[in-house]
Protein backbone atom coordinates (compact mmCIF):
# COMPACT_ATOMS: atom_id res chain seq x y z
CA UNK A 1 0.00 0.00 0.00
CA UNK A 2 1.21 3.53 -0.62
CA UNK A 3 1.50 5.89 2.34
CA UNK A 4 -1.96 7.06 3.37
CA UNK A 5 -3.23 10.02 5.37
CA UNK A 6 -6.77 9.82 6.72
CA UNK A 7 -8.30 12.87 8.36
CA UNK A 8 -11.62 12.92 10.16
CA UNK A 9 -13.53 14.96 12.68
CA UNK A 10 -14.33 13.65 16.14
CA UNK A 11 -18.05 13.81 15.28
CA UNK A 12 -17.67 12.06 11.93
CA UNK A 13 -20.74 10.05 10.98
CA UNK A 14 -18.57 7.30 9.49
CA UNK A 15 -16.12 7.20 12.38
CA UNK A 16 -16.33 3.45 13.01
CA UNK A 17 -15.84 2.62 9.33
CA UNK A 18 -12.92 5.01 8.96
CA UNK A 19 -11.16 3.66 12.04
CA UNK A 20 -11.73 0.07 10.89
CA UNK A 21 -10.32 0.92 7.46
CA UNK A 22 -7.23 2.55 8.98
CA UNK A 23 -6.69 -0.45 11.24
CA UNK A 24 -7.01 -2.85 8.31
CA UNK A 25 -4.50 -0.90 6.22
CA UNK A 26 -2.11 -0.82 9.17
CA UNK A 27 -2.51 -4.57 9.66
CA UNK A 28 -1.96 -5.31 5.97
CA UNK A 29 1.13 -3.10 5.94
CA UNK A 30 2.76 -4.39 9.11
CA UNK A 31 6.18 -4.12 7.45
CA UNK A 32 5.68 -0.36 7.06
CA UNK A 33 4.56 1.34 10.30
CA UNK A 34 4.15 4.64 8.41
CA UNK A 35 1.74 3.19 5.85
CA UNK A 36 -1.27 4.92 7.35
CA UNK A 37 -1.73 7.94 9.56
CA UNK A 38 -5.14 8.68 11.05
CA UNK A 39 -5.71 12.22 12.29
CA UNK A 40 -8.82 12.94 14.36
CA UNK A 41 -9.73 16.59 14.84
CA UNK A 42 -11.52 17.43 18.10
CA UNK A 43 -15.18 18.45 17.92
CA UNK A 44 -15.21 18.51 14.12
CA UNK A 45 -18.06 17.14 11.97
CA UNK A 46 -18.10 15.32 8.64
CA UNK A 47 -16.27 17.22 5.85
CA UNK A 48 -15.03 19.92 8.22
CA UNK A 49 -12.13 20.66 5.86
CA UNK A 50 -14.58 22.30 3.47
CA UNK A 51 -14.93 25.17 5.94
CA UNK A 52 -11.55 26.71 5.23
CA UNK A 53 -12.22 29.64 7.56
CA UNK A 54 -11.98 27.27 10.55
CA UNK A 55 -8.62 26.84 12.28
CA UNK A 56 -9.02 23.05 12.29
CA UNK A 57 -9.55 22.97 8.53
CA UNK A 58 -6.45 25.08 8.01
CA UNK A 59 -4.50 22.74 10.31
CA UNK A 60 -5.74 19.74 8.32
CA UNK A 61 -4.66 21.32 5.02
CA UNK A 62 -1.26 22.18 6.47
CA UNK A 63 -0.87 18.60 7.69
CA UNK A 64 -1.84 17.31 4.26
CA UNK A 65 0.79 19.55 2.69
CA UNK A 66 3.47 18.25 5.05
CA UNK A 67 2.35 14.67 4.32
CA UNK A 68 2.63 15.12 0.54
CA UNK A 69 5.96 16.91 0.92
CA UNK A 70 7.33 14.08 3.07
CA UNK A 71 6.43 11.52 0.40
CA UNK A 72 8.00 13.37 -2.50
CA UNK A 73 11.06 14.69 -0.68
CA UNK A 74 12.47 11.21 0.00
């Protein structure tokens, strides 16, 4: 599996499914502990990143940028 970043809000409607997916990817990629990173943003709802005026959305975008940079800078 390629490196994967999963971002979700604490109040995500699909929280259980997302966490199960992240766990399954991690299990399938046991040889690569950095295969998946799950970020949970406190008190955020589904698709919170669409509200770019919110600090948490800006933090999520910044984290995504660092994630992409880390993949392509190696």
